[in-house]
């Protein structure tokens, strides 16, 4: 069930220069939301109407939902100026979550590029309760964009070598898996499309089950506008917002 709530901001923290973590109180949405799903937040400066913005659920603390975002335009700039007590119009939970309850894997390999790390603290919390081993691979352009809070067994890659492995996160994954055996692994990925394309190719080549959460513009968030098509391997299209954002890598073309 999709819910709409007017939610007071609980807190906002500036993690780095342009990266923020905002929490808001949304009891009904928080109870219904599953790891990998997202919320659509109406961001409006009172002068010009703006489309809702989709944000992965970063963490859930009782009746509060956290979202992680960077300032990339007018809407997120407005959101970064919110203060405790300000009200947000929130729609959620939206989309298809990660399939974390299946019993055919023992090790969850989380692979994130940049702010694709957003859903993984919540994913980690869920998997920890299910007694799964969790290993997290996180990549970014430099150390300044690495958000490493609330993650399990973290390995970091940076394009410029300023932290961890010098290179991209998929290359770090390849190097690590060439040296280390993981018991019944399943990959969960989120990040920019080029990263997910490389990750999917690696998973398919090595026959490792994998799900990826796609990033992209989603106007309505509920499948009405048809503005976020995803090409399917068997022909036709799905919608990122309604049929995803999480997809099995065997079923989509990236």
C-alpha atoms as a PDB file:
ATOM      1  CA  UNK A   1       0.000   0.000   0.000  1.00  0.00           C
ATOM      2  CA  UNK A   2       1.324   3.424  -0.969  1.00  0.00           C
ATOM      3  CA  UNK A   3       0.858   6.030   1.743  1.00  0.00           C
ATOM      4  CA  UNK A   4       1.048   9.803   1.707  1.00  0.00           C
ATOM      5  CA  UNK A   5       2.037  11.582   4.907  1.00  0.00           C
ATOM      6  CA  UNK A   6       2.899  15.104   5.957  1.00  0.00           C
ATOM      7  CA  UNK A   7       6.061  14.469   7.920  1.00  0.00           C
ATOM      8  CA  UNK A   8       7.971  16.749  10.269  1.00  0.00           C
ATOM      9  CA  UNK A   9      11.726  16.896   9.806  1.00  0.00           C
ATOM     10  CA  UNK A  10      13.468  15.393  12.818  1.00  0.00           C
ATOM     11  CA  UNK A  11      17.072  16.238  11.997  1.00  0.00           C
ATOM     12  CA  UNK A  12      19.414  17.131   9.146  1.00  0.00           C
ATOM     13  CA  UNK A  13      23.163  16.600   9.186  1.00  0.00           C
ATOM     14  CA  UNK A  14      25.730  17.832   6.709  1.00  0.00           C
ATOM     15  CA  UNK A  15      27.991  14.853   6.143  1.00  0.00           C
ATOM     16  CA  UNK A  16      30.397  16.656   3.789  1.00  0.00           C
ATOM     17  CA  UNK A  17      30.417  19.705   1.536  1.00  0.00           C
ATOM     18  CA  UNK A  18      27.387  18.742  -0.569  1.00  0.00           C
ATOM     19  CA  UNK A  19      26.163  15.549   1.107  1.00  0.00           C
ATOM     20  CA  UNK A  20      23.352  15.540   3.675  1.00  0.00           C
ATOM     21  CA  UNK A  21      21.475  13.012   5.795  1.00  0.00           C
ATOM     22  CA  UNK A  22      17.919  14.056   6.590  1.00  0.00           C
ATOM     23  CA  UNK A  23      15.516  12.240   8.892  1.00  0.00           C
ATOM     24  CA  UNK A  24      11.779  12.758   9.163  1.00  0.00           C
ATOM     25  CA  UNK A  25       8.982  11.251  11.220  1.00  0.00           C
ATOM     26  CA  UNK A  26       6.719   8.965   9.173  1.00  0.00           C
ATOM     27  CA  UNK A  27       5.387   6.137  11.375  1.00  0.00           C
ATOM     28  CA  UNK A  28       3.102   4.416   8.872  1.00  0.00           C
ATOM     29  CA  UNK A  29       5.589   4.552   5.984  1.00  0.00           C
ATOM     30  CA  UNK A  30       8.449   3.427   8.235  1.00  0.00           C
ATOM     31  CA  UNK A  31       6.488   0.334   9.323  1.00  0.00           C
ATOM     32  CA  UNK A  32       5.681  -0.649   5.739  1.00  0.00           C
ATOM     33  CA  UNK A  33       9.010   0.125   4.076  1.00  0.00           C
ATOM     34  CA  UNK A  34      11.442  -2.637   3.068  1.00  0.00           C
ATOM     35  CA  UNK A  35      15.173  -2.391   2.184  1.00  0.00           C
ATOM     36  CA  UNK A  36      15.620  -1.189  -1.380  1.00  0.00           C
ATOM     37  CA  UNK A  37      12.333   0.687  -1.579  1.00  0.00           C
ATOM     38  CA  UNK A  38      12.205   4.467  -1.857  1.00  0.00           C
ATOM     39  CA  UNK A  39      10.108   7.487  -0.950  1.00  0.00           C
ATOM     40  CA  UNK A  40       9.099  10.407  -3.138  1.00  0.00           C
ATOM     41  CA  UNK A  41       9.422  13.767  -1.417  1.00  0.00           C
ATOM     42  CA  UNK A  42       7.677  16.884  -2.650  1.00  0.00           C
ATOM     43  CA  UNK A  43      10.204  19.700  -2.677  1.00  0.00           C
ATOM     44  CA  UNK A  44       8.727  23.137  -3.251  1.00  0.00           C
ATOM     45  CA  UNK A  45      10.056  26.591  -2.483  1.00  0.00           C
ATOM     46  CA  UNK A  46       6.523  28.006  -2.431  1.00  0.00           C
ATOM     47  CA  UNK A  47       7.086  29.885  -5.680  1.00  0.00           C
ATOM     48  CA  UNK A  48       7.625  27.297  -8.397  1.00  0.00           C
ATOM     49  CA  UNK A  49       6.179  23.770  -8.418  1.00  0.00           C
ATOM     50  CA  UNK A  50       8.832  21.083  -8.571  1.00  0.00           C
ATOM     51  CA  UNK A  51       8.437  17.390  -9.244  1.00  0.00           C
ATOM     52  CA  UNK A  52       8.811  15.016  -6.335  1.00  0.00           C
ATOM     53  CA  UNK A  53      12.293  13.646  -5.784  1.00  0.00           C
ATOM     54  CA  UNK A  54      12.938   9.916  -5.199  1.00  0.00           C
ATOM     55  CA  UNK A  55      15.221   8.912  -2.330  1.00  0.00           C
ATOM     56  CA  UNK A  56      16.213   5.433  -1.188  1.00  0.00           C
ATOM     57  CA  UNK A  57      15.510   4.724   2.449  1.00  0.00           C
ATOM     58  CA  UNK A  58      18.924   4.968   4.109  1.00  0.00           C
ATOM     59  CA  UNK A  59      17.976   3.869   7.616  1.00  0.00           C
ATOM     60  CA  UNK A  60      14.879   3.434   9.761  1.00  0.00           C
ATOM     61  CA  UNK A  61      14.937   4.310  13.458  1.00  0.00           C
ATOM     62  CA  UNK A  62      11.591   3.425  15.041  1.00  0.00           C
ATOM     63  CA  UNK A  63       9.169   5.884  13.382  1.00  0.00           C
ATOM     64  CA  UNK A  64      11.858   7.896  11.579  1.00  0.00           C
ATOM     65  CA  UNK A  65      13.194   7.445   8.057  1.00  0.00           C
ATOM     66  CA  UNK A  66      16.616   8.708   6.966  1.00  0.00           C
ATOM     67  CA  UNK A  67      17.488   9.664   3.408  1.00  0.00           C
ATOM     68  CA  UNK A  68      20.945  10.411   2.029  1.00  0.00           C
ATOM     69  CA  UNK A  69      21.398  12.909  -0.782  1.00  0.00           C
ATOM     70  CA  UNK A  70      23.807  15.299  -2.432  1.00  0.00           C
ATOM     71  CA  UNK A  71      22.983  18.781  -3.657  1.00  0.00           C
ATOM     72  CA  UNK A  72      22.843  18.591  -7.443  1.00  0.00           C
ATOM     73  CA  UNK A  73      20.073  21.047  -8.341  1.00  0.00           C
ATOM     74  CA  UNK A  74      17.354  23.341  -7.103  1.00  0.00           C
ATOM     75  CA  UNK A  75      15.223  20.666  -5.466  1.00  0.00           C
ATOM     76  CA  UNK A  76      17.992  19.112  -3.389  1.00  0.00           C
ATOM     77  CA  UNK A  77      19.330  22.582  -2.541  1.00  0.00           C
ATOM     78  CA  UNK A  78      15.923  23.429  -1.054  1.00  0.00           C
ATOM     79  CA  UNK A  79      15.841  20.128   0.812  1.00  0.00           C
ATOM     80  CA  UNK A  80      19.284  20.797   2.304  1.00  0.00           C
ATOM     81  CA  UNK A  81      17.917  23.964   3.907  1.00  0.00           C
ATOM     82  CA  UNK A  82      15.160  22.169   5.819  1.00  0.00           C
ATOM     83  CA  UNK A  83      15.252  22.380   9.596  1.00  0.00           C
ATOM     84  CA  UNK A  84      13.703  20.340  12.442  1.00  0.00           C
ATOM     85  CA  UNK A  85       9.961  20.902  12.527  1.00  0.00           C
ATOM     86  CA  UNK A  86       9.641  21.782   8.833  1.00  0.00           C
ATOM     87  CA  UNK A  87       7.021  19.668   7.074  1.00  0.00           C
ATOM     88  CA  UNK A  88       7.591  17.367   4.112  1.00  0.00           C
ATOM     89  CA  UNK A  89       4.960  15.817   1.839  1.00  0.00           C
ATOM     90  CA  UNK A  90       6.155  12.206   1.491  1.00  0.00           C
ATOM     91  CA  UNK A  91       4.823   9.362  -0.671  1.00  0.00           C
ATOM     92  CA  UNK A  92       5.874   5.796   0.051  1.00  0.00           C
ATOM     93  CA  UNK A  93       6.921   3.098   0.306  1.00  0.00           C
ATOM     94  CA  UNK A  94       7.519   2.852  -3.433  1.00  0.00           C
ATOM     95  CA  UNK A  95       9.120   0.291  -5.707  1.00  0.00           C
ATOM     96  CA  UNK A  96      10.297  -3.293  -5.413  1.00  0.00           C
ATOM     97  CA  UNK A  97      12.698  -4.089  -2.531  1.00  0.00           C
ATOM     98  CA  UNK A  98      15.757  -6.317  -2.538  1.00  0.00           C
ATOM     99  CA  UNK A  99      14.901 -10.013  -2.127  1.00  0.00           C
ATOM    100  CA  UNK A 100      16.673 -10.533   1.178  1.00  0.00           C
ATOM    101  CA  UNK A 101      14.570 -13.298   2.715  1.00  0.00           C
ATOM    102  CA  UNK A 102      15.525 -16.043   0.265  1.00  0.00           C
ATOM    103  CA  UNK A 103      17.460 -18.968   1.718  1.00  0.00           C
ATOM    104  CA  UNK A 104      19.770 -19.770  -1.217  1.00  0.00           C
ATOM    105  CA  UNK A 105      22.668 -17.518  -0.186  1.00  0.00           C
ATOM    106  CA  UNK A 106      24.884 -17.182   2.867  1.00  0.00           C
ATOM    107  CA  UNK A 107      27.043 -14.174   1.980  1.00  0.00           C
ATOM    108  CA  UNK A 108      25.593 -10.865   0.855  1.00  0.00           C
ATOM    109  CA  UNK A 109      28.060  -8.884  -1.223  1.00  0.00           C
ATOM    110  CA  UNK A 110      26.934  -5.260  -1.277  1.00  0.00           C
ATOM    111  CA  UNK A 111      28.482  -3.170  -4.054  1.00  0.00           C
ATOM    112  CA  UNK A 112      27.885   0.584  -4.144  1.00  0.00           C
ATOM    113  CA  UNK A 113      29.119   3.421  -6.312  1.00  0.00           C
ATOM    114  CA  UNK A 114      29.012   6.913  -4.843  1.00  0.00           C
ATOM    115  CA  UNK A 115      25.672   7.692  -3.225  1.00  0.00           C
ATOM    116  CA  UNK A 116      24.451   4.334  -4.482  1.00  0.00           C
ATOM    117  CA  UNK A 117      25.426   3.393  -0.939  1.00  0.00           C
ATOM    118  CA  UNK A 118      22.157   4.985   0.236  1.00  0.00           C
ATOM    119  CA  UNK A 119      20.055   1.818   0.696  1.00  0.00           C
ATOM    120  CA  UNK A 120      22.783  -0.376   2.147  1.00  0.00           C
ATOM    121  CA  UNK A 121      22.724   0.548   5.855  1.00  0.00           C
ATOM    122  CA  UNK A 122      19.073  -0.557   5.922  1.00  0.00           C
ATOM    123  CA  UNK A 123      19.922  -3.653   3.863  1.00  0.00           C
ATOM    124  CA  UNK A 124      22.751  -4.458   6.299  1.00  0.00           C
ATOM    125  CA  UNK A 125      20.452  -4.123   9.323  1.00  0.00           C
ATOM    126  CA  UNK A 126      17.977  -6.566   7.781  1.00  0.00           C
ATOM    127  CA  UNK A 127      20.627  -9.104   6.768  1.00  0.00           C
ATOM    128  CA  UNK A 128      22.301  -8.966  10.166  1.00  0.00           C
ATOM    129  CA  UNK A 129      19.025  -9.993  11.795  1.00  0.00           C
ATOM    130  CA  UNK A 130      18.864 -12.913   9.356  1.00  0.00           C
ATOM    131  CA  UNK A 131      22.354 -14.109  10.350  1.00  0.00           C
ATOM    132  CA  UNK A 132      23.825 -13.541   6.880  1.00  0.00           C
ATOM    133  CA  UNK A 133      27.457 -12.611   6.398  1.00  0.00           C
ATOM    134  CA  UNK A 134      27.714  -9.145   4.847  1.00  0.00           C
ATOM    135  CA  UNK A 135      30.684  -7.711   2.942  1.00  0.00           C
ATOM    136  CA  UNK A 136      30.439  -4.188   1.544  1.00  0.00           C
ATOM    137  CA  UNK A 137      32.366  -2.757  -1.409  1.00  0.00           C
ATOM    138  CA  UNK A 138      32.089   1.018  -1.753  1.00  0.00           C
ATOM    139  CA  UNK A 139      33.594   3.130  -4.512  1.00  0.00           C
ATOM    140  CA  UNK A 140      33.756   6.817  -5.338  1.00  0.00           C
ATOM    141  CA  UNK A 141      35.698   9.423  -7.249  1.00  0.00           C
ATOM    142  CA  UNK A 142      37.654  10.397  -4.133  1.00  0.00           C
ATOM    143  CA  UNK A 143      37.581  10.043  -0.361  1.00  0.00           C
ATOM    144  CA  UNK A 144      35.427  13.188  -0.100  1.00  0.00           C
ATOM    145  CA  UNK A 145      32.366  11.375  -1.521  1.00  0.00           C
ATOM    146  CA  UNK A 146      32.720   8.181   0.510  1.00  0.00           C
ATOM    147  CA  UNK A 147      29.843   7.831   2.999  1.00  0.00           C
ATOM    148  CA  UNK A 148      30.916   4.915   5.164  1.00  0.00           C
ATOM    149  CA  UNK A 149      28.490   4.966   8.100  1.00  0.00           C
ATOM    150  CA  UNK A 150      26.512   1.922   9.316  1.00  0.00           C
ATOM    151  CA  UNK A 151      28.120  -0.543   6.906  1.00  0.00           C
ATOM    152  CA  UNK A 152      29.431  -4.067   7.485  1.00  0.00           C
ATOM    153  CA  UNK A 153      32.965  -5.305   6.658  1.00  0.00           C
ATOM    154  CA  UNK A 154      33.764  -2.352   4.423  1.00  0.00           C
ATOM    155  CA  UNK A 155      36.265  -2.295   1.549  1.00  0.00           C
ATOM    156  CA  UNK A 156      36.759   1.042  -0.233  1.00  0.00           C
ATOM    157  CA  UNK A 157      37.930   1.974  -3.726  1.00  0.00           C
ATOM    158  CA  UNK A 158      38.579   5.480  -5.036  1.00  0.00           C
ATOM    159  CA  UNK A 159      39.278   6.531  -8.601  1.00  0.00           C
ATOM    160  CA  UNK A 160      42.065   8.881  -7.489  1.00  0.00           C
ATOM    161  CA  UNK A 161      43.576   6.530  -4.906  1.00  0.00           C
ATOM    162  CA  UNK A 162      42.909   8.923  -2.030  1.00  0.00           C
ATOM    163  CA  UNK A 163      41.449   6.073   0.040  1.00  0.00           C
ATOM    164  CA  UNK A 164      41.673   2.326  -0.195  1.00  0.00           C
ATOM    165  CA  UNK A 165      42.038   0.544  -3.516  1.00  0.00           C
ATOM    166  CA  UNK A 166      43.190   2.760  -6.404  1.00  0.00           C
ATOM    167  CA  UNK A 167      40.578   2.089  -9.065  1.00  0.00           C
ATOM    168  CA  UNK A 168      36.883   1.430  -9.436  1.00  0.00           C
ATOM    169  CA  UNK A 169      34.757  -0.626  -7.089  1.00  0.00           C
ATOM    170  CA  UNK A 170      34.040  -3.434  -9.565  1.00  0.00           C
ATOM    171  CA  UNK A 171      37.773  -3.964 -10.099  1.00  0.00           C
ATOM    172  CA  UNK A 172      38.181  -4.107  -6.318  1.00  0.00           C
ATOM    173  CA  UNK A 173      35.434  -6.735  -6.180  1.00  0.00           C
ATOM    174  CA  UNK A 174      37.109  -8.778  -8.925  1.00  0.00           C
ATOM    175  CA  UNK A 175      40.478  -8.638  -7.210  1.00  0.00           C
ATOM    176  CA  UNK A 176      39.018  -9.564  -3.831  1.00  0.00           C
ATOM    177  CA  UNK A 177      36.965 -12.484  -5.147  1.00  0.00           C
ATOM    178  CA  UNK A 178      39.987 -13.832  -7.020  1.00  0.00           C
ATOM    179  CA  UNK A 179      41.802 -14.119  -3.695  1.00  0.00           C
ATOM    180  CA  UNK A 180      39.001 -14.907  -1.277  1.00  0.00           C
ATOM    181  CA  UNK A 181      36.222 -17.493  -1.335  1.00  0.00           C
ATOM    182  CA  UNK A 182      32.742 -16.464  -0.229  1.00  0.00           C
ATOM    183  CA  UNK A 183      30.211 -19.094   0.808  1.00  0.00           C
ATOM    184  CA  UNK A 184      27.073 -19.068  -1.395  1.00  0.00           C
ATOM    185  CA  UNK A 185      27.434 -15.419  -2.419  1.00  0.00           C
ATOM    186  CA  UNK A 186      24.698 -13.169  -3.764  1.00  0.00           C
ATOM    187  CA  UNK A 187      25.477  -9.690  -5.056  1.00  0.00           C
ATOM    188  CA  UNK A 188      23.372  -6.614  -4.346  1.00  0.00           C
ATOM    189  CA  UNK A 189      24.383  -3.483  -6.259  1.00  0.00           C
ATOM    190  CA  UNK A 190      23.406   0.160  -6.453  1.00  0.00           C
ATOM    191  CA  UNK A 191      25.090   3.041  -8.227  1.00  0.00           C
ATOM    192  CA  UNK A 192      25.561   4.725 -11.597  1.00  0.00           C
ATOM    193  CA  UNK A 193      24.539   2.760 -14.685  1.00  0.00           C
ATOM    194  CA  UNK A 194      28.103   2.224 -16.030  1.00  0.00           C
ATOM    195  CA  UNK A 195      29.085   0.684 -12.694  1.00  0.00           C
ATOM    196  CA  UNK A 196      25.989  -1.521 -12.616  1.00  0.00           C
ATOM    197  CA  UNK A 197      26.640  -2.601 -16.204  1.00  0.00           C
ATOM    198  CA  UNK A 198      30.159  -3.761 -15.279  1.00  0.00           C
ATOM    199  CA  UNK A 199      28.895  -5.390 -12.088  1.00  0.00           C
ATOM    200  CA  UNK A 200      26.140  -7.243 -13.936  1.00  0.00           C
ATOM    201  CA  UNK A 201      28.593  -8.502 -16.563  1.00  0.00           C
ATOM    202  CA  UNK A 202      30.889  -9.818 -13.812  1.00  0.00           C
ATOM    203  CA  UNK A 203      28.020 -11.544 -11.991  1.00  0.00           C
ATOM    204  CA  UNK A 204      26.702 -13.153 -15.165  1.00  0.00           C
ATOM    205  CA  UNK A 205      30.173 -14.292 -16.280  1.00  0.00           C
ATOM    206  CA  UNK A 206      30.841 -15.963 -12.935  1.00  0.00           C
ATOM    207  CA  UNK A 207      27.253 -17.190 -12.474  1.00  0.00           C
ATOM    208  CA  UNK A 208      26.790 -15.317  -9.205  1.00  0.00           C
ATOM    209  CA  UNK A 209      23.154 -14.411  -8.504  1.00  0.00           C
ATOM    210  CA  UNK A 210      22.789 -10.644  -8.440  1.00  0.00           C
ATOM    211  CA  UNK A 211      20.223  -7.898  -8.006  1.00  0.00           C
ATOM    212  CA  UNK A 212      20.826  -4.257  -8.815  1.00  0.00           C
ATOM    213  CA  UNK A 213      18.957  -1.128  -7.824  1.00  0.00           C
ATOM    214  CA  UNK A 214      18.870   1.259 -10.759  1.00  0.00           C
ATOM    215  CA  UNK A 215      19.385   5.005 -10.533  1.00  0.00           C
ATOM    216  CA  UNK A 216      17.570   7.390 -12.841  1.00  0.00           C
ATOM    217  CA  UNK A 217      14.955  10.120 -13.114  1.00  0.00           C
ATOM    218  CA  UNK A 218      11.529   9.099 -11.835  1.00  0.00           C
ATOM    219  CA  UNK A 219       8.872  11.784 -12.122  1.00  0.00           C
ATOM    220  CA  UNK A 220       5.723  10.289 -10.621  1.00  0.00           C
ATOM    221  CA  UNK A 221       7.257   7.310  -8.815  1.00  0.00           C
ATOM    222  CA  UNK A 222       4.148   5.148  -9.260  1.00  0.00           C
ATOM    223  CA  UNK A 223       4.155   4.157 -12.938  1.00  0.00           C
ATOM    224  CA  UNK A 224       1.697   6.700 -14.303  1.00  0.00           C
ATOM    225  CA  UNK A 225       3.982   8.930 -16.377  1.00  0.00           C
ATOM    226  CA  UNK A 226       5.838   6.020 -18.072  1.00  0.00           C
ATOM    227  CA  UNK A 227       9.002   8.106 -17.927  1.00  0.00           C
ATOM    228  CA  UNK A 228      11.506   5.568 -16.579  1.00  0.00           C
ATOM    229  CA  UNK A 229      11.627   2.586 -18.973  1.00  0.00           C
ATOM    230  CA  UNK A 230      14.035  -0.301 -18.463  1.00  0.00           C
ATOM    231  CA  UNK A 231      14.703  -2.668 -21.375  1.00  0.00           C
ATOM    232  CA  UNK A 232      14.109  -6.347 -20.640  1.00  0.00           C
ATOM    233  CA  UNK A 233      16.189  -9.258 -21.940  1.00  0.00           C
ATOM    234  CA  UNK A 234      13.088 -11.065 -23.162  1.00  0.00           C
ATOM    235  CA  UNK A 235      11.823  -7.996 -25.029  1.00  0.00           C
ATOM    236  CA  UNK A 236       9.672  -5.056 -24.024  1.00  0.00           C
ATOM    237  CA  UNK A 237      10.143  -2.702 -21.140  1.00  0.00           C
ATOM    238  CA  UNK A 238       9.538  -2.446 -17.423  1.00  0.00           C
ATOM    239  CA  UNK A 239       9.271   0.743 -15.374  1.00  0.00           C
ATOM    240  CA  UNK A 240      12.079   1.602 -12.995  1.00  0.00           C
ATOM    241  CA  UNK A 241       9.752   3.091 -10.384  1.00  0.00           C
ATOM    242  CA  UNK A 242       6.990   0.458 -10.334  1.00  0.00           C
ATOM    243  CA  UNK A 243       8.703  -2.772 -11.474  1.00  0.00           C
ATOM    244  CA  UNK A 244      12.022  -1.807  -9.861  1.00  0.00           C
ATOM    245  CA  UNK A 245      14.188  -0.052  -8.927  1.00  0.00           C
ATOM    246  CA  UNK A 246      15.532  -3.490  -7.966  1.00  0.00           C
ATOM    247  CA  UNK A 247      15.938  -6.003 -10.798  1.00  0.00           C
ATOM    248  CA  UNK A 248      17.576  -9.395 -11.235  1.00  0.00           C
ATOM    249  CA  UNK A 249      20.522  -8.784 -13.594  1.00  0.00           C
ATOM    250  CA  UNK A 250      19.411 -11.680 -15.807  1.00  0.00           C
ATOM    251  CA  UNK A 251      16.199  -9.886 -16.694  1.00  0.00           C
ATOM    252  CA  UNK A 252      17.363  -6.434 -17.812  1.00  0.00           C
ATOM    253  CA  UNK A 253      19.626  -4.858 -20.416  1.00  0.00           C
ATOM    254  CA  UNK A 254      21.867  -2.118 -19.076  1.00  0.00           C
END
